[in-house]
């Protein structure tokens, strides 16, 4: 896990790549999933964002959300090569409940999920985490720290989200490549440790 980019044309995978893993980036509406994938993707990310209209005013809760004018209606997609042998394909899910039907298809073949949460809107994460657990996807939690947002300790977050002791919790800024990569690497290491335990 020593390099974000492969040498040469970043559009093409290095010939030594042995493992391609599907990772979901999930979270509630307006938590930063599209930004997170766009920050890390070594290829131009696929986005299915549409401008929010008046028709969604009574459906999408914009409380606590500033400057939100677009929303993902299908998925986000990006690619990140962690080293010469491992590449991650990142799939971002829509955050609104009305798009929950796309989850079943997107979870197929997923190795794990990174759950982005907003520390000021933790209750909105419950439905997302219920879905991740429903589909049996191992996950880590990344607390997306917004400017001027509330600071919570890890024990407070664990208690509020009712997390198992082994579930990784990390703070990140979805706009920052280094901290976003750290969150993703934390998930990958957790998944690797689970695999080793299952093989013993």
N, C-alpha and C. Protein backbone atom coordinates (compact mmCIF):
# COMPACT_ATOMS: atom_id res chain seq x y z
N UNK A 1 0.83 -1.18 0.00
CA UNK A 1 0.00 0.00 0.00
C UNK A 1 0.87 1.25 0.00
N UNK A 2 1.82 1.27 -0.92
CA UNK A 2 2.81 2.31 -0.87
C UNK A 2 2.66 3.39 -1.92
N UNK A 3 1.72 3.25 -2.84
CA UNK A 3 1.63 4.24 -3.90
C UNK A 3 0.22 4.36 -4.41
N UNK A 4 -0.16 5.58 -4.67
CA UNK A 4 -1.50 5.79 -5.21
C UNK A 4 -1.53 5.51 -6.70
N UNK A 5 -0.48 5.95 -7.41
CA UNK A 5 -0.51 5.88 -8.87
C UNK A 5 0.45 4.82 -9.39
N UNK A 6 0.10 4.26 -10.52
CA UNK A 6 1.01 3.36 -11.23
C UNK A 6 1.79 4.20 -12.21
N UNK A 7 2.94 3.69 -12.64
CA UNK A 7 3.73 4.43 -13.61
C UNK A 7 3.09 4.34 -14.99
N UNK A 8 3.43 5.29 -15.84
CA UNK A 8 2.87 5.28 -17.19
C UNK A 8 1.51 5.93 -17.23
N UNK A 9 0.73 5.55 -18.23
CA UNK A 9 -0.60 6.12 -18.43
C UNK A 9 -1.54 5.61 -17.34
N UNK A 10 -2.03 6.52 -16.50
CA UNK A 10 -2.86 6.13 -15.35
C UNK A 10 -4.19 5.53 -15.76
N UNK A 11 -4.55 5.66 -17.04
CA UNK A 11 -5.81 5.08 -17.48
C UNK A 11 -5.74 3.56 -17.56
N UNK A 12 -4.54 3.03 -17.65
CA UNK A 12 -4.36 1.59 -17.81
C UNK A 12 -3.71 0.99 -16.58
N UNK A 13 -4.11 -0.22 -16.24
CA UNK A 13 -3.56 -0.89 -15.06
C UNK A 13 -2.16 -1.41 -15.33
N UNK A 14 -1.37 -1.43 -14.28
CA UNK A 14 -0.04 -2.02 -14.34
C UNK A 14 -0.17 -3.51 -14.60
N UNK A 15 0.75 -4.07 -15.36
CA UNK A 15 0.68 -5.48 -15.73
C UNK A 15 0.82 -6.44 -14.56
N UNK A 16 1.35 -5.97 -13.42
CA UNK A 16 1.55 -6.85 -12.27
C UNK A 16 0.33 -6.96 -11.36
N UNK A 17 -0.73 -6.20 -11.65
CA UNK A 17 -1.90 -6.22 -10.78
C UNK A 17 -2.46 -7.63 -10.68
N UNK A 18 -2.59 -8.12 -9.45
CA UNK A 18 -3.08 -9.48 -9.21
C UNK A 18 -4.46 -9.50 -8.57
N UNK A 19 -4.80 -8.43 -7.85
CA UNK A 19 -6.07 -8.40 -7.13
C UNK A 19 -6.83 -7.13 -7.48
N UNK A 20 -8.06 -7.29 -7.90
CA UNK A 20 -8.97 -6.16 -8.13
C UNK A 20 -10.12 -6.31 -7.15
N UNK A 21 -10.32 -5.32 -6.30
CA UNK A 21 -11.35 -5.41 -5.25
C UNK A 21 -12.39 -4.33 -5.45
N UNK A 22 -13.65 -4.72 -5.28
CA UNK A 22 -14.76 -3.79 -5.35
C UNK A 22 -15.06 -3.27 -3.95
N UNK A 23 -15.00 -1.96 -3.79
CA UNK A 23 -15.25 -1.32 -2.50
C UNK A 23 -16.41 -0.34 -2.66
N UNK A 24 -17.38 -0.40 -1.75
CA UNK A 24 -18.48 0.55 -1.75
C UNK A 24 -18.13 1.74 -0.86
N UNK A 25 -18.48 2.93 -1.33
CA UNK A 25 -18.38 4.14 -0.51
C UNK A 25 -19.82 4.59 -0.28
N UNK A 26 -20.27 4.44 0.96
CA UNK A 26 -21.69 4.65 1.25
C UNK A 26 -21.85 5.71 2.34
N UNK A 27 -23.07 6.17 2.49
CA UNK A 27 -23.37 7.16 3.51
C UNK A 27 -24.66 7.86 3.17
N UNK A 28 -25.15 8.64 4.11
CA UNK A 28 -26.41 9.32 3.91
C UNK A 28 -26.26 10.47 2.91
N UNK A 29 -27.36 11.07 2.58
CA UNK A 29 -27.43 12.19 1.64
C UNK A 29 -26.49 13.33 2.05
N UNK A 30 -25.68 13.79 1.09
CA UNK A 30 -24.82 14.97 1.26
C UNK A 30 -23.73 14.79 2.30
N UNK A 31 -23.20 13.57 2.42
CA UNK A 31 -22.14 13.34 3.40
C UNK A 31 -20.75 13.43 2.77
N UNK A 32 -20.67 13.46 1.42
CA UNK A 32 -19.37 13.64 0.78
C UNK A 32 -18.86 12.47 -0.03
N UNK A 33 -19.73 11.54 -0.42
CA UNK A 33 -19.30 10.35 -1.16
C UNK A 33 -18.71 10.70 -2.54
N UNK A 34 -19.40 11.56 -3.27
CA UNK A 34 -18.93 11.95 -4.60
C UNK A 34 -17.59 12.67 -4.50
N UNK A 35 -17.46 13.54 -3.51
CA UNK A 35 -16.20 14.26 -3.30
C UNK A 35 -15.09 13.29 -2.95
N UNK A 36 -15.37 12.34 -2.07
CA UNK A 36 -14.37 11.36 -1.63
C UNK A 36 -13.82 10.58 -2.83
N UNK A 37 -14.71 10.05 -3.66
CA UNK A 37 -14.26 9.26 -4.81
C UNK A 37 -13.52 10.14 -5.81
N UNK A 38 -14.01 11.35 -6.04
CA UNK A 38 -13.34 12.26 -6.95
C UNK A 38 -11.95 12.64 -6.46
N UNK A 39 -11.77 12.75 -5.15
CA UNK A 39 -10.48 13.10 -4.57
C UNK A 39 -9.45 11.99 -4.79
N UNK A 40 -9.88 10.74 -4.70
CA UNK A 40 -8.94 9.62 -4.74
C UNK A 40 -8.77 8.98 -6.11
N UNK A 41 -9.74 9.08 -6.97
CA UNK A 41 -9.69 8.32 -8.23
C UNK A 41 -8.52 8.77 -9.11
N UNK A 42 -7.77 7.78 -9.60
CA UNK A 42 -6.65 8.06 -10.49
C UNK A 42 -7.10 8.19 -11.95
N UNK A 43 -8.36 7.91 -12.20
CA UNK A 43 -8.96 8.11 -13.51
C UNK A 43 -10.07 9.15 -13.35
N UNK A 44 -10.49 9.81 -14.43
CA UNK A 44 -11.63 10.72 -14.29
C UNK A 44 -12.83 9.96 -13.75
N UNK A 45 -13.37 10.35 -12.59
CA UNK A 45 -14.47 9.58 -12.00
C UNK A 45 -15.75 9.67 -12.81
N UNK A 46 -16.49 8.58 -12.81
CA UNK A 46 -17.83 8.57 -13.40
C UNK A 46 -18.78 9.13 -12.36
N UNK A 47 -19.56 10.13 -12.75
CA UNK A 47 -20.53 10.72 -11.83
C UNK A 47 -21.90 10.74 -12.50
N UNK A 48 -22.92 10.50 -11.71
CA UNK A 48 -24.30 10.58 -12.22
C UNK A 48 -25.06 11.62 -11.42
N UNK A 49 -24.46 12.78 -11.30
CA UNK A 49 -25.09 13.86 -10.54
C UNK A 49 -26.06 14.64 -11.41
N UNK A 50 -27.19 14.97 -10.82
CA UNK A 50 -28.19 15.79 -11.49
C UNK A 50 -28.52 16.98 -10.59
N UNK A 51 -28.91 18.06 -11.21
CA UNK A 51 -29.27 19.25 -10.46
C UNK A 51 -30.56 18.99 -9.67
N UNK A 52 -30.54 19.40 -8.42
CA UNK A 52 -31.72 19.23 -7.58
C UNK A 52 -32.78 20.25 -7.99
N UNK A 53 -34.02 19.80 -8.06
CA UNK A 53 -35.11 20.66 -8.50
C UNK A 53 -36.10 20.90 -7.36
N UNK A 54 -37.04 21.74 -7.62
CA UNK A 54 -38.07 22.05 -6.64
C UNK A 54 -38.89 20.81 -6.29
N UNK A 55 -38.96 19.86 -7.23
CA UNK A 55 -39.75 18.64 -7.00
C UNK A 55 -39.19 17.82 -5.83
N UNK A 56 -37.87 17.96 -5.57
CA UNK A 56 -37.25 17.19 -4.50
C UNK A 56 -37.24 17.95 -3.18
N UNK A 57 -37.76 19.16 -3.17
CA UNK A 57 -37.70 20.00 -1.97
C UNK A 57 -38.35 19.35 -0.77
N UNK A 58 -39.45 18.65 -0.96
CA UNK A 58 -40.13 18.01 0.15
C UNK A 58 -39.65 16.60 0.42
N UNK A 59 -38.68 16.13 -0.39
CA UNK A 59 -38.19 14.76 -0.25
C UNK A 59 -36.79 14.71 0.35
N UNK A 60 -35.90 15.54 -0.16
CA UNK A 60 -34.52 15.56 0.33
C UNK A 60 -34.37 16.62 1.42
N UNK A 61 -33.99 16.17 2.60
CA UNK A 61 -33.85 17.06 3.74
C UNK A 61 -32.51 17.80 3.66
N UNK A 62 -32.57 19.10 3.43
CA UNK A 62 -31.37 19.91 3.30
C UNK A 62 -30.95 20.57 4.62
N UNK A 63 -31.59 20.18 5.71
CA UNK A 63 -31.23 20.73 7.01
C UNK A 63 -29.79 20.36 7.33
N UNK A 64 -28.99 21.35 7.65
CA UNK A 64 -27.58 21.11 7.98
C UNK A 64 -26.70 20.97 6.76
N UNK A 65 -27.26 21.16 5.56
CA UNK A 65 -26.50 21.04 4.32
C UNK A 65 -26.43 22.40 3.66
N UNK A 66 -25.23 22.89 3.41
CA UNK A 66 -25.06 24.21 2.82
C UNK A 66 -24.58 24.08 1.37
N UNK A 67 -25.21 24.82 0.47
CA UNK A 67 -24.74 24.92 -0.90
C UNK A 67 -24.92 23.67 -1.74
N UNK A 68 -25.77 22.76 -1.33
CA UNK A 68 -25.98 21.52 -2.08
C UNK A 68 -26.94 21.80 -3.24
N UNK A 69 -26.47 21.64 -4.47
CA UNK A 69 -27.32 21.92 -5.64
C UNK A 69 -27.48 20.72 -6.55
N UNK A 70 -26.65 19.67 -6.35
CA UNK A 70 -26.75 18.46 -7.18
C UNK A 70 -26.79 17.24 -6.27
N UNK A 71 -27.23 16.12 -6.83
CA UNK A 71 -27.28 14.87 -6.07
C UNK A 71 -27.02 13.69 -6.99
N UNK A 72 -26.41 12.64 -6.45
CA UNK A 72 -26.15 11.42 -7.21
C UNK A 72 -27.44 10.64 -7.38
N UNK A 73 -27.74 10.23 -8.62
CA UNK A 73 -28.99 9.52 -8.88
C UNK A 73 -28.77 8.06 -9.27
N UNK A 74 -27.55 7.64 -9.49
CA UNK A 74 -27.29 6.23 -9.79
C UNK A 74 -26.07 5.77 -9.00
N UNK A 75 -24.87 6.25 -9.37
CA UNK A 75 -23.67 5.88 -8.63
C UNK A 75 -22.52 6.77 -9.03
N UNK A 76 -21.47 6.70 -8.23
CA UNK A 76 -20.17 7.27 -8.58
C UNK A 76 -19.22 6.10 -8.77
N UNK A 77 -18.20 6.30 -9.61
CA UNK A 77 -17.24 5.23 -9.84
C UNK A 77 -15.86 5.82 -10.02
N UNK A 78 -14.89 5.19 -9.36
CA UNK A 78 -13.50 5.60 -9.52
C UNK A 78 -12.58 4.42 -9.33
N UNK A 79 -11.29 4.64 -9.58
CA UNK A 79 -10.30 3.56 -9.43
C UNK A 79 -9.09 4.09 -8.70
N UNK A 80 -8.56 3.27 -7.79
CA UNK A 80 -7.38 3.64 -7.04
C UNK A 80 -6.44 2.44 -6.95
N UNK A 81 -5.22 2.59 -7.46
CA UNK A 81 -4.22 1.54 -7.36
C UNK A 81 -3.42 1.77 -6.09
N UNK A 82 -3.48 0.82 -5.16
CA UNK A 82 -2.76 0.96 -3.90
C UNK A 82 -1.30 0.58 -4.03
N UNK A 83 -1.02 -0.44 -4.83
CA UNK A 83 0.36 -0.81 -5.13
C UNK A 83 0.35 -1.60 -6.44
N UNK A 84 1.50 -2.13 -6.84
CA UNK A 84 1.59 -2.79 -8.14
C UNK A 84 0.70 -4.02 -8.26
N UNK A 85 0.25 -4.56 -7.12
CA UNK A 85 -0.54 -5.80 -7.17
C UNK A 85 -2.00 -5.62 -6.83
N UNK A 86 -2.38 -4.49 -6.21
CA UNK A 86 -3.75 -4.33 -5.71
C UNK A 86 -4.40 -3.06 -6.23
N UNK A 87 -5.55 -3.21 -6.87
CA UNK A 87 -6.31 -2.05 -7.34
C UNK A 87 -7.72 -2.12 -6.75
N UNK A 88 -8.23 -0.95 -6.37
CA UNK A 88 -9.57 -0.86 -5.81
C UNK A 88 -10.48 -0.15 -6.80
N UNK A 89 -11.66 -0.73 -7.00
CA UNK A 89 -12.70 -0.08 -7.78
C UNK A 89 -13.73 0.47 -6.79
N UNK A 90 -13.91 1.77 -6.81
CA UNK A 90 -14.74 2.45 -5.82
C UNK A 90 -16.11 2.75 -6.40
N UNK A 91 -17.14 2.27 -5.74
CA UNK A 91 -18.52 2.47 -6.16
C UNK A 91 -19.25 3.27 -5.09
N UNK A 92 -19.68 4.47 -5.44
CA UNK A 92 -20.42 5.30 -4.51
C UNK A 92 -21.92 5.15 -4.71
N UNK A 93 -22.64 4.91 -3.63
CA UNK A 93 -24.09 4.70 -3.71
C UNK A 93 -24.84 6.00 -3.47
N UNK A 94 -26.04 6.14 -4.04
CA UNK A 94 -26.87 7.30 -3.70
C UNK A 94 -27.23 7.27 -2.22
N UNK A 95 -27.41 8.45 -1.63
CA UNK A 95 -27.66 8.51 -0.19
C UNK A 95 -29.12 8.52 0.21
N UNK A 96 -30.03 8.83 -0.72
CA UNK A 96 -31.43 8.95 -0.34
C UNK A 96 -32.13 7.58 -0.32
N UNK A 97 -33.10 7.47 0.57
CA UNK A 97 -33.84 6.22 0.72
C UNK A 97 -34.57 5.82 -0.56
N UNK A 98 -34.97 6.79 -1.37
CA UNK A 98 -35.72 6.44 -2.57
C UNK A 98 -34.85 5.71 -3.61
N UNK A 99 -33.53 5.72 -3.41
CA UNK A 99 -32.64 5.01 -4.33
C UNK A 99 -32.14 3.69 -3.75
N UNK A 100 -32.74 3.26 -2.67
CA UNK A 100 -32.24 2.08 -1.98
C UNK A 100 -32.31 0.82 -2.84
N UNK A 101 -33.16 0.82 -3.85
CA UNK A 101 -33.28 -0.38 -4.70
C UNK A 101 -32.01 -0.68 -5.48
N UNK A 102 -31.15 0.32 -5.67
CA UNK A 102 -29.91 0.06 -6.42
C UNK A 102 -28.86 -0.64 -5.56
N UNK A 103 -29.07 -0.65 -4.24
CA UNK A 103 -28.09 -1.24 -3.34
C UNK A 103 -27.86 -2.72 -3.63
N UNK A 104 -28.93 -3.47 -3.86
CA UNK A 104 -28.79 -4.92 -4.03
C UNK A 104 -27.83 -5.25 -5.16
N UNK A 105 -27.97 -4.56 -6.28
CA UNK A 105 -27.06 -4.81 -7.39
C UNK A 105 -25.64 -4.37 -7.07
N UNK A 106 -25.50 -3.23 -6.42
CA UNK A 106 -24.16 -2.70 -6.15
C UNK A 106 -23.40 -3.50 -5.10
N UNK A 107 -24.11 -4.19 -4.22
CA UNK A 107 -23.42 -4.96 -3.18
C UNK A 107 -22.84 -6.27 -3.70
N UNK A 108 -23.32 -6.73 -4.85
CA UNK A 108 -22.82 -8.00 -5.38
C UNK A 108 -21.33 -7.91 -5.70
N UNK A 109 -20.56 -8.79 -5.09
CA UNK A 109 -19.13 -8.83 -5.34
C UNK A 109 -18.33 -7.81 -4.56
N UNK A 110 -18.97 -7.03 -3.70
CA UNK A 110 -18.23 -6.02 -2.92
C UNK A 110 -17.45 -6.69 -1.80
N UNK A 111 -16.19 -6.32 -1.68
CA UNK A 111 -15.34 -6.88 -0.64
C UNK A 111 -15.62 -6.22 0.71
N UNK A 112 -15.96 -4.93 0.66
CA UNK A 112 -16.23 -4.20 1.89
C UNK A 112 -16.80 -2.84 1.58
N UNK A 113 -17.10 -2.08 2.63
CA UNK A 113 -17.68 -0.75 2.46
C UNK A 113 -17.03 0.23 3.42
N UNK A 114 -16.85 1.44 2.93
CA UNK A 114 -16.45 2.55 3.78
C UNK A 114 -17.68 3.41 3.99
N UNK A 115 -18.11 3.51 5.24
CA UNK A 115 -19.31 4.27 5.57
C UNK A 115 -18.89 5.67 6.00
N UNK A 116 -19.23 6.67 5.18
CA UNK A 116 -18.96 8.06 5.54
C UNK A 116 -20.09 8.57 6.42
N UNK A 117 -19.71 9.25 7.51
CA UNK A 117 -20.72 9.82 8.40
C UNK A 117 -20.38 11.28 8.68
N UNK A 118 -21.41 12.06 8.93
CA UNK A 118 -21.28 13.45 9.34
C UNK A 118 -21.50 13.48 10.85
N UNK A 119 -20.53 13.94 11.64
CA UNK A 119 -20.68 13.91 13.10
C UNK A 119 -21.85 14.74 13.61
N UNK A 120 -22.34 15.67 12.81
CA UNK A 120 -23.48 16.48 13.24
C UNK A 120 -24.82 15.89 12.80
N UNK A 121 -24.78 14.82 12.00
CA UNK A 121 -26.02 14.19 11.52
C UNK A 121 -25.91 12.67 11.66
N UNK A 122 -25.47 12.21 12.82
CA UNK A 122 -25.23 10.79 13.02
C UNK A 122 -26.48 9.94 12.83
N UNK A 123 -27.63 10.46 13.24
CA UNK A 123 -28.87 9.68 13.13
C UNK A 123 -29.18 9.30 11.70
N UNK A 124 -28.75 10.12 10.75
CA UNK A 124 -29.01 9.83 9.35
C UNK A 124 -28.18 8.64 8.85
N UNK A 125 -27.17 8.25 9.62
CA UNK A 125 -26.32 7.13 9.23
C UNK A 125 -26.93 5.78 9.56
N UNK A 126 -27.91 5.75 10.46
CA UNK A 126 -28.45 4.47 10.93
C UNK A 126 -29.04 3.63 9.80
N UNK A 127 -29.82 4.26 8.93
CA UNK A 127 -30.45 3.50 7.84
C UNK A 127 -29.40 2.93 6.90
N UNK A 128 -28.34 3.69 6.66
CA UNK A 128 -27.27 3.23 5.77
C UNK A 128 -26.54 2.04 6.40
N UNK A 129 -26.23 2.15 7.67
CA UNK A 129 -25.52 1.07 8.34
C UNK A 129 -26.39 -0.19 8.45
N UNK A 130 -27.69 0.01 8.60
CA UNK A 130 -28.61 -1.14 8.59
C UNK A 130 -28.52 -1.88 7.26
N UNK A 131 -28.44 -1.14 6.15
CA UNK A 131 -28.34 -1.77 4.84
C UNK A 131 -27.02 -2.52 4.67
N UNK A 132 -25.93 -1.91 5.11
CA UNK A 132 -24.63 -2.57 5.01
C UNK A 132 -24.64 -3.88 5.79
N UNK A 133 -25.21 -3.84 6.99
CA UNK A 133 -25.27 -5.05 7.81
C UNK A 133 -26.25 -6.06 7.23
N UNK A 134 -27.35 -5.58 6.65
CA UNK A 134 -28.32 -6.48 6.03
C UNK A 134 -27.68 -7.33 4.95
N UNK A 135 -26.80 -6.71 4.16
CA UNK A 135 -26.15 -7.43 3.07
C UNK A 135 -24.85 -8.11 3.49
N UNK A 136 -24.53 -8.05 4.78
CA UNK A 136 -23.38 -8.77 5.30
C UNK A 136 -22.04 -8.26 4.81
N UNK A 137 -21.93 -6.95 4.58
CA UNK A 137 -20.70 -6.38 4.06
C UNK A 137 -19.86 -5.85 5.22
N UNK A 138 -18.63 -6.33 5.37
CA UNK A 138 -17.77 -5.76 6.41
C UNK A 138 -17.46 -4.31 6.10
N UNK A 139 -17.34 -3.48 7.13
CA UNK A 139 -17.18 -2.06 6.87
C UNK A 139 -16.31 -1.37 7.91
N UNK A 140 -15.82 -0.21 7.52
CA UNK A 140 -15.16 0.72 8.42
C UNK A 140 -15.93 2.03 8.35
N UNK A 141 -15.81 2.83 9.40
CA UNK A 141 -16.51 4.11 9.46
C UNK A 141 -15.50 5.25 9.31
N UNK A 142 -15.78 6.15 8.38
CA UNK A 142 -14.94 7.33 8.18
C UNK A 142 -15.77 8.56 8.52
N UNK A 143 -15.35 9.28 9.52
CA UNK A 143 -16.06 10.49 9.95
C UNK A 143 -15.55 11.65 9.10
N UNK A 144 -16.40 12.13 8.20
CA UNK A 144 -16.03 13.22 7.31
C UNK A 144 -16.14 14.54 8.07
N UNK A 145 -15.01 15.11 8.41
CA UNK A 145 -14.97 16.31 9.23
C UNK A 145 -15.21 17.54 8.36
N UNK A 146 -16.33 18.19 8.55
CA UNK A 146 -16.67 19.39 7.80
C UNK A 146 -16.10 20.62 8.51
N UNK A 147 -15.89 21.70 7.75
CA UNK A 147 -15.37 22.93 8.32
C UNK A 147 -16.27 23.42 9.45
N UNK A 148 -15.67 23.64 10.61
CA UNK A 148 -16.42 24.16 11.74
C UNK A 148 -17.38 23.17 12.35
N UNK A 149 -17.27 21.90 11.96
CA UNK A 149 -18.20 20.89 12.46
C UNK A 149 -17.88 20.46 13.88
N UNK A 150 -18.83 19.78 14.46
CA UNK A 150 -18.69 19.31 15.84
C UNK A 150 -17.61 18.24 15.93
N UNK A 151 -16.80 18.31 16.96
CA UNK A 151 -15.75 17.33 17.19
C UNK A 151 -16.24 16.33 18.23
N UNK A 152 -16.23 15.06 17.86
CA UNK A 152 -16.63 13.99 18.79
C UNK A 152 -15.47 13.03 18.98
N UNK A 153 -15.35 12.48 20.16
CA UNK A 153 -14.30 11.51 20.42
C UNK A 153 -14.70 10.16 19.82
N UNK A 154 -13.70 9.29 19.63
CA UNK A 154 -14.00 7.98 19.08
C UNK A 154 -14.95 7.18 19.98
N UNK A 155 -14.76 7.18 21.30
CA UNK A 155 -15.72 6.46 22.15
C UNK A 155 -17.15 6.99 22.00
N UNK A 156 -17.30 8.32 21.86
CA UNK A 156 -18.63 8.90 21.66
C UNK A 156 -19.24 8.42 20.36
N UNK A 157 -18.43 8.39 19.30
CA UNK A 157 -18.92 7.93 18.00
C UNK A 157 -19.30 6.46 18.05
N UNK A 158 -18.47 5.66 18.68
CA UNK A 158 -18.76 4.22 18.76
C UNK A 158 -20.07 3.97 19.50
N UNK A 159 -20.26 4.70 20.59
CA UNK A 159 -21.49 4.52 21.36
C UNK A 159 -22.70 5.00 20.57
N UNK A 160 -22.58 6.15 19.92
CA UNK A 160 -23.71 6.71 19.18
C UNK A 160 -24.10 5.84 18.00
N UNK A 161 -23.11 5.22 17.36
CA UNK A 161 -23.37 4.39 16.18
C UNK A 161 -23.51 2.91 16.53
N UNK A 162 -23.33 2.55 17.80
CA UNK A 162 -23.47 1.17 18.27
C UNK A 162 -22.56 0.23 17.48
N UNK A 163 -21.27 0.58 17.44
CA UNK A 163 -20.31 -0.19 16.64
C UNK A 163 -19.69 -1.31 17.46
N UNK A 164 -19.33 -2.37 16.77
CA UNK A 164 -18.57 -3.44 17.40
C UNK A 164 -17.16 -2.94 17.68
N UNK A 165 -16.49 -3.49 18.71
CA UNK A 165 -15.15 -3.02 19.07
C UNK A 165 -14.15 -3.12 17.93
N UNK A 166 -14.30 -4.12 17.05
CA UNK A 166 -13.32 -4.31 15.98
C UNK A 166 -13.56 -3.43 14.75
N UNK A 167 -14.70 -2.75 14.69
CA UNK A 167 -14.99 -1.90 13.54
C UNK A 167 -14.09 -0.68 13.54
N UNK A 168 -13.28 -0.49 12.48
CA UNK A 168 -12.39 0.66 12.44
C UNK A 168 -13.17 1.98 12.36
N UNK A 169 -12.71 2.99 13.07
CA UNK A 169 -13.28 4.34 13.00
C UNK A 169 -12.12 5.30 12.76
N UNK A 170 -12.23 6.09 11.70
CA UNK A 170 -11.17 7.02 11.36
C UNK A 170 -11.79 8.34 10.93
N UNK A 171 -11.09 9.43 11.21
CA UNK A 171 -11.55 10.75 10.80
C UNK A 171 -10.87 11.13 9.49
N UNK A 172 -11.62 11.73 8.58
CA UNK A 172 -11.02 12.15 7.31
C UNK A 172 -11.67 13.43 6.83
N UNK A 173 -11.07 14.00 5.81
CA UNK A 173 -11.65 15.13 5.07
C UNK A 173 -11.74 14.66 3.64
N UNK A 174 -12.95 14.47 3.13
CA UNK A 174 -13.15 13.90 1.79
C UNK A 174 -12.52 14.76 0.70
N UNK A 175 -12.18 15.99 0.99
CA UNK A 175 -11.55 16.87 0.01
C UNK A 175 -10.04 16.71 -0.03
N UNK A 176 -9.49 16.01 0.97
CA UNK A 176 -8.05 15.89 1.11
C UNK A 176 -7.59 14.49 0.72
N UNK A 177 -6.70 14.41 -0.25
CA UNK A 177 -6.27 13.11 -0.77
C UNK A 177 -5.60 12.25 0.28
N UNK A 178 -4.71 12.85 1.07
CA UNK A 178 -3.96 12.07 2.05
C UNK A 178 -4.87 11.47 3.12
N UNK A 179 -5.77 12.27 3.68
CA UNK A 179 -6.63 11.75 4.75
C UNK A 179 -7.67 10.78 4.20
N UNK A 180 -8.14 11.01 2.97
CA UNK A 180 -9.10 10.08 2.36
C UNK A 180 -8.43 8.74 2.08
N UNK A 181 -7.20 8.79 1.59
CA UNK A 181 -6.46 7.55 1.33
C UNK A 181 -6.22 6.78 2.63
N UNK A 182 -5.94 7.52 3.70
CA UNK A 182 -5.72 6.87 5.00
C UNK A 182 -6.97 6.13 5.46
N UNK A 183 -8.14 6.73 5.24
CA UNK A 183 -9.39 6.08 5.61
C UNK A 183 -9.60 4.80 4.80
N UNK A 184 -9.32 4.86 3.52
CA UNK A 184 -9.51 3.70 2.65
C UNK A 184 -8.52 2.59 3.00
N UNK A 185 -7.29 2.95 3.28
CA UNK A 185 -6.28 1.96 3.68
C UNK A 185 -6.67 1.30 4.99
N UNK A 186 -7.28 2.07 5.89
CA UNK A 186 -7.74 1.50 7.15
C UNK A 186 -8.77 0.40 6.90
N UNK A 187 -9.69 0.64 5.96
CA UNK A 187 -10.67 -0.37 5.60
C UNK A 187 -9.99 -1.59 5.00
N UNK A 188 -9.06 -1.39 4.08
CA UNK A 188 -8.38 -2.51 3.41
C UNK A 188 -7.63 -3.37 4.42
N UNK A 189 -6.95 -2.74 5.35
CA UNK A 189 -6.23 -3.50 6.38
C UNK A 189 -7.18 -4.31 7.24
N UNK A 190 -8.32 -3.72 7.55
CA UNK A 190 -9.34 -4.44 8.32
C UNK A 190 -9.84 -5.66 7.55
N UNK A 191 -10.10 -5.48 6.26
CA UNK A 191 -10.56 -6.60 5.44
C UNK A 191 -9.50 -7.68 5.34
N UNK A 192 -8.24 -7.29 5.22
CA UNK A 192 -7.15 -8.27 5.16
C UNK A 192 -7.05 -9.05 6.46
N UNK A 193 -7.22 -8.36 7.60
CA UNK A 193 -7.13 -9.04 8.90
C UNK A 193 -8.28 -10.04 9.07
N UNK A 194 -9.46 -9.67 8.58
CA UNK A 194 -10.61 -10.59 8.63
C UNK A 194 -10.35 -11.83 7.78
N UNK A 195 -9.76 -11.62 6.62
CA UNK A 195 -9.46 -12.75 5.72
C UNK A 195 -8.46 -13.69 6.38
N UNK A 196 -7.42 -13.13 7.01
CA UNK A 196 -6.43 -13.98 7.68
C UNK A 196 -7.07 -14.78 8.82
N UNK A 197 -7.96 -14.14 9.57
CA UNK A 197 -8.62 -14.83 10.67
C UNK A 197 -9.50 -15.97 10.16
N UNK A 198 -10.17 -15.74 9.05
CA UNK A 198 -11.05 -16.78 8.48
C UNK A 198 -10.25 -17.95 7.94
N UNK A 199 -9.00 -17.69 7.53
CA UNK A 199 -8.18 -18.75 6.96
C UNK A 199 -7.49 -19.59 8.03
N UNK A 200 -7.47 -19.08 9.26
CA UNK A 200 -6.79 -19.82 10.35
C UNK A 200 -7.64 -20.97 10.87
